[in-house]
């Protein structure tokens, strides 16, 4: 299992060859400006709730 922290509420867990991304809030996060959204991969996206600081990059990453 591999854990990657992207900042704020966003992290990814890779296990069994699949990547699950939790609460994708990257581009609006000043502390995550060094992360290129194109480099973030996800087989599944989990959203804990609908606040902006948990869903900001959902649509972009899902496409």
C-alpha atoms as a PDB file:
ATOM      1  CA  UNK A   1       0.000   0.000   0.000  1.00  0.00           C
ATOM      2  CA  UNK A   2       1.266   3.485  -0.898  1.00  0.00           C
ATOM      3  CA  UNK A   3      -0.006   6.720   0.651  1.00  0.00           C
ATOM      4  CA  UNK A   4       0.463  10.144  -1.030  1.00  0.00           C
ATOM      5  CA  UNK A   5      -0.496  13.388   0.698  1.00  0.00           C
ATOM      6  CA  UNK A   6      -1.427  16.276  -1.626  1.00  0.00           C
ATOM      7  CA  UNK A   7      -2.323  18.809   1.062  1.00  0.00           C
ATOM      8  CA  UNK A   8      -5.352  20.015   3.040  1.00  0.00           C
ATOM      9  CA  UNK A   9      -7.869  17.175   2.815  1.00  0.00           C
ATOM     10  CA  UNK A  10      -6.491  15.516  -0.318  1.00  0.00           C
ATOM     11  CA  UNK A  11      -4.574  12.252  -0.330  1.00  0.00           C
ATOM     12  CA  UNK A  12      -4.299   9.107  -2.417  1.00  0.00           C
ATOM     13  CA  UNK A  13      -4.015   5.448  -1.509  1.00  0.00           C
ATOM     14  CA  UNK A  14      -2.632   2.945  -3.991  1.00  0.00           C
ATOM     15  CA  UNK A  15      -3.273  -0.719  -3.354  1.00  0.00           C
ATOM     16  CA  UNK A  16      -3.563  -3.716  -5.625  1.00  0.00           C
ATOM     17  CA  UNK A  17      -2.667  -1.622  -8.655  1.00  0.00           C
ATOM     18  CA  UNK A  18      -5.573   0.795  -8.130  1.00  0.00           C
ATOM     19  CA  UNK A  19      -5.379   4.395  -6.962  1.00  0.00           C
ATOM     20  CA  UNK A  20      -8.111   5.989  -4.837  1.00  0.00           C
ATOM     21  CA  UNK A  21      -8.019   9.778  -4.500  1.00  0.00           C
ATOM     22  CA  UNK A  22      -9.779  11.348  -1.522  1.00  0.00           C
ATOM     23  CA  UNK A  23     -11.239  14.875  -1.489  1.00  0.00           C
ATOM     24  CA  UNK A  24      -9.363  16.418  -4.460  1.00  0.00           C
ATOM     25  CA  UNK A  25      -8.618  20.003  -3.427  1.00  0.00           C
ATOM     26  CA  UNK A  26      -5.333  20.850  -5.152  1.00  0.00           C
ATOM     27  CA  UNK A  27      -5.405  23.810  -7.556  1.00  0.00           C
ATOM     28  CA  UNK A  28      -7.029  26.324  -5.135  1.00  0.00           C
ATOM     29  CA  UNK A  29      -4.683  25.249  -2.335  1.00  0.00           C
ATOM     30  CA  UNK A  30      -1.767  27.708  -2.064  1.00  0.00           C
ATOM     31  CA  UNK A  31       0.357  25.070  -0.323  1.00  0.00           C
ATOM     32  CA  UNK A  32      -0.110  22.649  -3.246  1.00  0.00           C
ATOM     33  CA  UNK A  33       0.849  25.022  -6.082  1.00  0.00           C
ATOM     34  CA  UNK A  34       3.877  22.815  -6.876  1.00  0.00           C
ATOM     35  CA  UNK A  35       1.591  19.870  -7.764  1.00  0.00           C
ATOM     36  CA  UNK A  36       0.631  19.564 -11.430  1.00  0.00           C
ATOM     37  CA  UNK A  37      -2.928  18.322 -11.743  1.00  0.00           C
ATOM     38  CA  UNK A  38      -1.961  16.344 -14.865  1.00  0.00           C
ATOM     39  CA  UNK A  39       0.385  14.266 -12.683  1.00  0.00           C
ATOM     40  CA  UNK A  40      -2.406  13.234 -10.304  1.00  0.00           C
ATOM     41  CA  UNK A  41      -3.950   9.926 -11.383  1.00  0.00           C
ATOM     42  CA  UNK A  42      -6.970   8.183  -9.920  1.00  0.00           C
ATOM     43  CA  UNK A  43      -8.948   5.062 -10.711  1.00  0.00           C
ATOM     44  CA  UNK A  44     -11.545   6.149  -8.172  1.00  0.00           C
ATOM     45  CA  UNK A  45     -12.372   9.470  -6.505  1.00  0.00           C
ATOM     46  CA  UNK A  46     -13.901   9.502  -3.041  1.00  0.00           C
ATOM     47  CA  UNK A  47     -15.601  12.677  -1.792  1.00  0.00           C
ATOM     48  CA  UNK A  48     -16.359  12.845   1.920  1.00  0.00           C
ATOM     49  CA  UNK A  49     -18.803  15.758   1.522  1.00  0.00           C
ATOM     50  CA  UNK A  50     -19.692  18.586  -0.850  1.00  0.00           C
ATOM     51  CA  UNK A  51     -17.710  21.522   0.528  1.00  0.00           C
ATOM     52  CA  UNK A  52     -15.475  23.307  -1.980  1.00  0.00           C
ATOM     53  CA  UNK A  53     -12.311  22.428  -0.064  1.00  0.00           C
ATOM     54  CA  UNK A  54     -13.081  18.756  -0.727  1.00  0.00           C
ATOM     55  CA  UNK A  55     -14.410  18.798  -4.307  1.00  0.00           C
ATOM     56  CA  UNK A  56     -12.571  21.591  -6.155  1.00  0.00           C
ATOM     57  CA  UNK A  57     -10.768  19.373  -8.699  1.00  0.00           C
ATOM     58  CA  UNK A  58     -13.257  16.483  -8.921  1.00  0.00           C
ATOM     59  CA  UNK A  59     -14.640  17.188 -12.379  1.00  0.00           C
ATOM     60  CA  UNK A  60     -11.252  17.924 -13.948  1.00  0.00           C
ATOM     61  CA  UNK A  61      -9.683  14.761 -12.544  1.00  0.00           C
ATOM     62  CA  UNK A  62     -12.682  12.597 -13.413  1.00  0.00           C
ATOM     63  CA  UNK A  63     -12.470  13.620 -17.064  1.00  0.00           C
END
